[in-house]
Amino acid sequence: MPSAAAPLVEQVGDCILVVASPAAQANNDGLVFFHRGEDTRLSRMNTTPARSNPTVLRHPLIQHKVTMLRDRATPTKIFKELVDEIAMLMAYEATAALPLEPCEVETPLERAAGVRVAGKKLVLVPILRAGLGMVEGILRLIPSARVGHIGLYRDHATLQPVDYYFKIPGGAAEREFFVLDPMLATGGSAVAAVSRLKDAGARKIRFLCLVAAPAGVAALQAAHPDVPIMTAALDRELDAQGYILPGLGDAGDRLFGTR
C-alpha cells in the first residue's frame, strides 16, 4: 500500500478494508470492500449518484408497464390500471426527499422513538382530465395527501393551454406539490400549471409524468428551472400535431374510453 494512502485506510478484522476519500473530495466519496485473495482492481461505487433533470425512472416494473401502455391493443380497463400502478411506483421515488421529524409511539411493549413526515400535507395536483388517472395510485401510498385540481386543455389548433378551473388547499407556501399529467408534450400545459401554482404561493413543486418529449422538457425547464421533472420515459420527438413519438396516443382518450 502506498504510504500516502495509509491515513485513509482502516482495517476491520483481517479481511475488509474501508477506503474513504479525504474531506476535500467529499462529493466523490465511495466504499470499496476488499476480501483476502480478491482482485482489488475495482471501480469505485458511487453511493450518492447525482440527480438529473429530468429524472427518468429505469425500474424494470415501470419500464415493463410503460411498454404495455404503449400497445394500441391495451384496452381501457387495463390502461387505467397500468397508469395507476406506474404512478404509485413513481411516487415511491418522488417522495424520497420528503423531510422527517422525530416522534414517539407506544408499541405493545414499550415506548419507541421513530420519525414521521414533517410539515403540512403533500398536495397532488392533477391536470384535468388525464392527470386524474395518476391520483389514486399515489393516494394508496400516501393516503393523507390532499388533492387539488387544475383544469387545462390543449387547443389542438394553437397547441396552447386553455385554463378553465383551479382549486388547491390553503397554506400553499408551506406545502409540497406534485403536478400530475401523463404526458409532457409541448410543455404548454405544464408551464401554465406550475405558473398558476406559483401565483397562488406554491414554492416546492415537482412535475410527474409517464412519457415526456424533449421539447416539453426544454420548455418546462426554461420557464421553471427550479421544478424537478420525473418521468417513466423520455421519448424521441413530437409530430406535426404535437403528439409524442413513439408515445402512447392521447392519454385522456385512452383512460376514459373516448378515443
Protein backbone atom coordinates (compact mmCIF):
# COMPACT_ATOMS: atom_id res chain seq x y z
CA MET A 1 0.00 0.00 0.00
CA PRO A 2 1.38 3.46 -0.83
CA SER A 3 2.35 5.36 2.32
CA ALA A 4 0.21 8.33 1.25
CA ALA A 5 -2.88 6.13 1.38
CA ALA A 6 -2.32 4.91 4.94
CA PRO A 7 -4.33 7.70 6.63
CA LEU A 8 -7.36 6.81 4.50
CA VAL A 9 -7.48 3.10 5.26
CA GLU A 10 -8.80 1.27 8.28
CA GLN A 11 -8.50 -2.49 8.63
CA VAL A 12 -11.60 -4.19 10.01
CA GLY A 13 -10.86 -7.71 11.27
CA ASP A 14 -8.47 -9.41 8.86
CA CYS A 15 -10.26 -9.30 5.53
CA ILE A 16 -12.04 -5.97 4.92
CA LEU A 17 -10.56 -2.58 4.18
CA VAL A 18 -12.74 0.52 4.24
CA VAL A 19 -11.39 3.26 2.00
CA ALA A 20 -12.67 6.84 2.32
CA SER A 21 -11.84 9.91 0.29
CA PRO A 22 -10.34 12.97 2.00
CA ALA A 23 -12.81 15.56 3.24
CA ALA A 24 -11.82 17.88 0.40
CA GLN A 25 -13.24 15.34 -2.05
CA ALA A 26 -16.47 14.64 -0.18
CA ASN A 27 -18.53 14.78 -3.36
CA ASN A 28 -16.75 11.69 -4.65
CA ASP A 29 -16.94 9.54 -1.52
CA GLY A 30 -17.14 5.82 -2.18
CA LEU A 31 -16.95 2.49 -0.40
CA VAL A 32 -14.69 -0.34 -1.54
CA PHE A 33 -14.66 -3.74 0.22
CA PHE A 34 -11.58 -5.96 -0.31
CA HIS A 35 -11.58 -9.61 0.75
CA ARG A 36 -8.37 -11.61 1.23
CA GLY A 37 -7.15 -13.00 -2.09
CA GLU A 38 -9.63 -10.92 -4.10
CA ASP A 39 -8.63 -8.87 -7.15
CA THR A 40 -8.73 -5.28 -5.87
CA ARG A 41 -8.71 -3.60 -9.28
CA LEU A 42 -12.32 -2.45 -8.90
CA SER A 43 -14.04 0.75 -9.98
CA ARG A 44 -15.37 2.99 -7.23
CA MET A 45 -19.02 2.56 -6.25
CA ASN A 46 -20.73 5.93 -6.12
CA THR A 47 -23.11 5.75 -3.17
CA THR A 48 -24.81 9.10 -3.82
CA PRO A 49 -25.44 9.44 -7.58
CA ALA A 50 -26.37 12.91 -8.79
CA ARG A 51 -29.94 13.61 -9.87
CA SER A 52 -30.53 14.69 -13.44
CA ASN A 53 -33.43 16.76 -14.69
CA PRO A 54 -35.49 15.14 -15.97
CA THR A 55 -35.12 12.03 -13.84
CA VAL A 56 -36.05 9.03 -15.99
CA LEU A 57 -37.05 6.09 -13.80
CA ARG A 58 -35.50 2.85 -15.06
CA HIS A 59 -37.07 0.39 -12.64
CA PRO A 60 -37.87 -2.86 -14.51
CA LEU A 61 -41.51 -2.89 -13.38
CA ILE A 62 -42.05 0.68 -14.54
CA GLN A 63 -40.44 0.00 -17.92
CA HIS A 64 -42.46 -3.20 -18.34
CA LYS A 65 -45.73 -1.40 -17.61
CA VAL A 66 -44.88 1.55 -19.88
CA THR A 67 -44.41 -0.88 -22.77
CA MET A 68 -47.89 -2.30 -22.09
CA LEU A 69 -49.28 1.26 -22.02
CA ARG A 70 -47.85 1.97 -25.46
CA ASP A 71 -49.52 -1.06 -27.03
CA ARG A 72 -52.53 0.12 -29.03
CA ALA A 73 -54.25 -3.20 -28.25
CA THR A 74 -54.31 -2.50 -24.49
CA PRO A 75 -58.00 -2.00 -23.52
CA THR A 76 -59.24 0.93 -21.47
CA LYS A 77 -59.62 -1.07 -18.24
CA ILE A 78 -56.02 -2.34 -18.36
CA PHE A 79 -54.74 1.07 -19.47
CA LYS A 80 -56.30 2.70 -16.38
CA GLU A 81 -54.81 0.06 -14.10
CA LEU A 82 -51.36 0.50 -15.62
CA VAL A 83 -51.41 4.29 -15.22
CA ASP A 84 -52.49 3.82 -11.61
CA GLU A 85 -49.70 1.30 -10.90
CA ILE A 86 -46.95 3.31 -12.61
CA ALA A 87 -47.96 6.45 -10.72
CA MET A 88 -47.69 4.60 -7.40
CA LEU A 89 -44.24 3.25 -8.29
CA MET A 90 -43.09 6.72 -9.34
CA ALA A 91 -44.40 8.26 -6.12
CA TYR A 92 -42.15 5.98 -4.06
CA GLU A 93 -39.15 7.61 -5.74
CA ALA A 94 -40.62 11.11 -5.82
CA THR A 95 -41.14 11.13 -2.04
CA ALA A 96 -37.58 10.04 -1.19
CA ALA A 97 -36.58 13.56 -0.17
CA LEU A 98 -39.59 14.44 1.99
CA PRO A 99 -38.47 15.94 5.32
CA LEU A 100 -38.85 13.93 8.51
CA GLU A 101 -39.26 14.89 12.15
CA PRO A 102 -38.73 12.76 15.28
CA CYS A 103 -41.71 11.37 17.17
CA GLU A 104 -42.50 8.69 19.74
CA VAL A 105 -45.10 5.91 19.68
CA GLU A 106 -46.33 3.31 22.14
CA THR A 107 -45.67 -0.21 20.92
CA PRO A 108 -47.50 -3.12 22.62
CA LEU A 109 -44.39 -3.47 24.83
CA GLU A 110 -42.87 -0.04 25.37
CA ARG A 111 -42.40 3.49 24.12
CA ALA A 112 -40.28 3.75 20.96
CA ALA A 113 -38.62 6.55 19.03
CA GLY A 114 -39.48 6.97 15.36
CA VAL A 115 -39.96 9.54 12.62
CA ARG A 116 -42.84 10.94 10.61
CA VAL A 117 -43.15 13.14 7.54
CA ALA A 118 -42.82 16.76 8.65
CA GLY A 119 -44.79 19.83 7.64
CA LYS A 120 -48.18 20.30 6.02
CA LYS A 121 -49.74 17.54 3.96
CA LEU A 122 -48.43 16.89 0.46
CA VAL A 123 -50.75 18.05 -2.32
CA LEU A 124 -51.39 16.12 -5.53
CA VAL A 125 -52.47 18.39 -8.38
CA PRO A 126 -53.67 16.51 -11.46
CA ILE A 127 -54.02 18.50 -14.67
CA LEU A 128 -57.55 17.69 -15.82
CA ARG A 129 -58.55 15.42 -17.25
CA ALA A 130 -55.78 12.90 -17.92
CA GLY A 131 -53.91 13.68 -14.68
CA LEU A 132 -56.80 12.19 -12.71
CA GLY A 133 -55.63 8.75 -13.75
CA MET A 134 -52.46 9.14 -11.65
CA VAL A 135 -54.12 10.25 -8.41
CA GLU A 136 -55.49 7.06 -6.85
CA GLY A 137 -52.26 5.12 -7.18
CA ILE A 138 -50.35 7.80 -5.27
CA LEU A 139 -53.10 8.14 -2.67
CA ARG A 140 -52.78 4.44 -1.85
CA LEU A 141 -49.14 5.12 -0.99
CA ILE A 142 -49.84 8.48 0.74
CA PRO A 143 -53.49 8.36 1.88
CA SER A 144 -53.14 11.58 3.89
CA ALA A 145 -52.20 13.66 0.83
CA ARG A 146 -54.52 16.47 -0.21
CA VAL A 147 -55.80 16.75 -3.78
CA GLY A 148 -56.12 19.98 -5.76
CA HIS A 149 -57.18 20.36 -9.39
CA ILE A 150 -56.06 22.43 -12.36
CA GLY A 151 -58.37 22.47 -15.36
CA LEU A 152 -56.33 22.90 -18.54
CA TYR A 153 -56.75 21.59 -22.02
CA ARG A 154 -54.63 21.97 -25.10
CA ASP A 155 -56.17 23.79 -28.04
CA HIS A 156 -55.40 21.43 -30.91
CA ALA A 157 -55.24 24.31 -33.39
CA THR A 158 -52.77 26.52 -31.49
CA LEU A 159 -51.27 23.80 -29.21
CA GLN A 160 -51.59 26.36 -26.38
CA PRO A 161 -53.17 25.61 -22.96
CA VAL A 162 -56.59 26.96 -22.03
CA ASP A 163 -57.27 27.45 -18.28
CA TYR A 164 -60.81 26.76 -17.01
CA TYR A 165 -60.51 25.61 -13.34
CA PHE A 166 -58.15 25.97 -10.36
CA LYS A 167 -58.56 24.77 -6.74
CA ILE A 168 -55.86 23.90 -4.17
CA PRO A 169 -55.70 23.74 -0.33
CA GLY A 170 -54.62 26.77 1.68
CA GLY A 171 -51.12 27.34 3.02
CA ALA A 172 -49.51 26.80 -0.38
CA ALA A 173 -46.15 28.29 0.63
CA GLU A 174 -45.71 25.60 3.31
CA ARG A 175 -46.75 22.61 1.21
CA GLU A 176 -45.06 20.40 -1.36
CA PHE A 177 -46.95 19.94 -4.63
CA PHE A 178 -46.82 17.09 -7.15
CA VAL A 179 -48.24 18.21 -10.50
CA LEU A 180 -49.54 15.14 -12.35
CA ASP A 181 -50.02 14.72 -16.09
CA PRO A 182 -49.37 11.50 -18.03
CA MET A 183 -47.87 13.39 -20.98
CA LEU A 184 -45.30 16.19 -21.19
CA ALA A 185 -45.54 17.02 -24.89
CA THR A 186 -45.12 20.67 -25.92
CA GLY A 187 -44.87 21.68 -22.26
CA GLY A 188 -47.52 24.39 -22.55
CA SER A 189 -49.94 22.89 -20.04
CA ALA A 190 -47.15 22.02 -17.60
CA VAL A 191 -45.70 25.54 -17.73
CA ALA A 192 -49.16 27.07 -17.25
CA ALA A 193 -50.00 24.76 -14.33
CA VAL A 194 -46.75 25.46 -12.49
CA SER A 195 -47.11 29.20 -13.11
CA ARG A 196 -50.64 29.11 -11.67
CA LEU A 197 -49.39 27.29 -8.57
CA LYS A 198 -46.58 29.78 -8.06
CA ASP A 199 -49.05 32.65 -8.41
CA ALA A 200 -51.02 31.02 -5.57
CA GLY A 201 -47.91 30.96 -3.37
CA ALA A 202 -46.50 27.46 -4.01
CA ARG A 203 -42.73 27.22 -3.72
CA LYS A 204 -41.99 23.47 -3.65
CA ILE A 205 -43.24 21.84 -6.84
CA ARG A 206 -42.40 18.62 -8.68
CA PHE A 207 -43.76 17.54 -12.06
CA LEU A 208 -44.55 13.84 -12.57
CA CYS A 209 -45.43 12.37 -15.97
CA LEU A 210 -45.40 8.97 -17.63
CA VAL A 211 -43.97 9.98 -21.01
CA ALA A 212 -42.07 13.15 -21.94
CA ALA A 213 -40.79 14.68 -25.16
CA PRO A 214 -37.53 16.64 -25.29
CA ALA A 215 -39.41 19.77 -26.43
CA GLY A 216 -41.71 19.65 -23.40
CA VAL A 217 -38.83 19.07 -21.00
CA ALA A 218 -36.94 22.03 -22.51
CA ALA A 219 -39.99 24.30 -22.28
CA LEU A 220 -40.68 23.45 -18.62
CA GLN A 221 -37.01 23.78 -17.67
CA ALA A 222 -36.74 27.16 -19.43
CA ALA A 223 -39.83 28.56 -17.70
CA HIS A 224 -39.33 26.90 -14.30
CA PRO A 225 -35.74 25.67 -13.84
CA ASP A 226 -36.40 25.11 -10.12
CA VAL A 227 -39.04 22.42 -10.75
CA PRO A 228 -37.74 18.81 -10.84
CA ILE A 229 -39.22 16.64 -13.60
CA MET A 230 -39.76 12.92 -13.09
CA THR A 231 -40.84 10.68 -15.97
CA ALA A 232 -41.13 6.99 -16.76
CA ALA A 233 -39.96 7.50 -20.36
CA LEU A 234 -38.22 10.21 -22.40
CA ASP A 235 -39.33 9.75 -26.00
CA ARG A 236 -37.86 10.86 -29.32
CA GLU A 237 -39.84 13.87 -30.58
CA LEU A 238 -43.20 15.47 -31.35
CA ASP A 239 -45.09 15.06 -34.62
CA ALA A 240 -46.67 17.95 -36.54
CA GLN A 241 -49.82 17.72 -34.37
CA GLY A 242 -47.85 17.91 -31.13
CA TYR A 243 -48.18 14.24 -30.21
CA ILE A 244 -45.23 12.42 -28.62
CA LEU A 245 -43.44 9.84 -30.77
CA PRO A 246 -43.42 6.92 -30.24
CA GLY A 247 -45.66 7.92 -27.30
CA LEU A 248 -48.84 6.12 -26.33
CA GLY A 249 -51.53 8.15 -28.09
CA ASP A 250 -53.91 10.53 -26.32
CA ALA A 251 -53.72 9.51 -22.65
CA GLY A 252 -57.04 11.13 -21.76
CA ASP A 253 -58.92 9.39 -24.55
CA ARG A 254 -57.38 6.04 -23.66
CA LEU A 255 -58.09 6.49 -19.94
CA PHE A 256 -61.73 7.43 -20.36
CA GLY A 257 -62.63 5.46 -23.47
CA THR A 258 -63.26 8.48 -25.69
CA ARG A 259 -60.84 7.60 -28.48
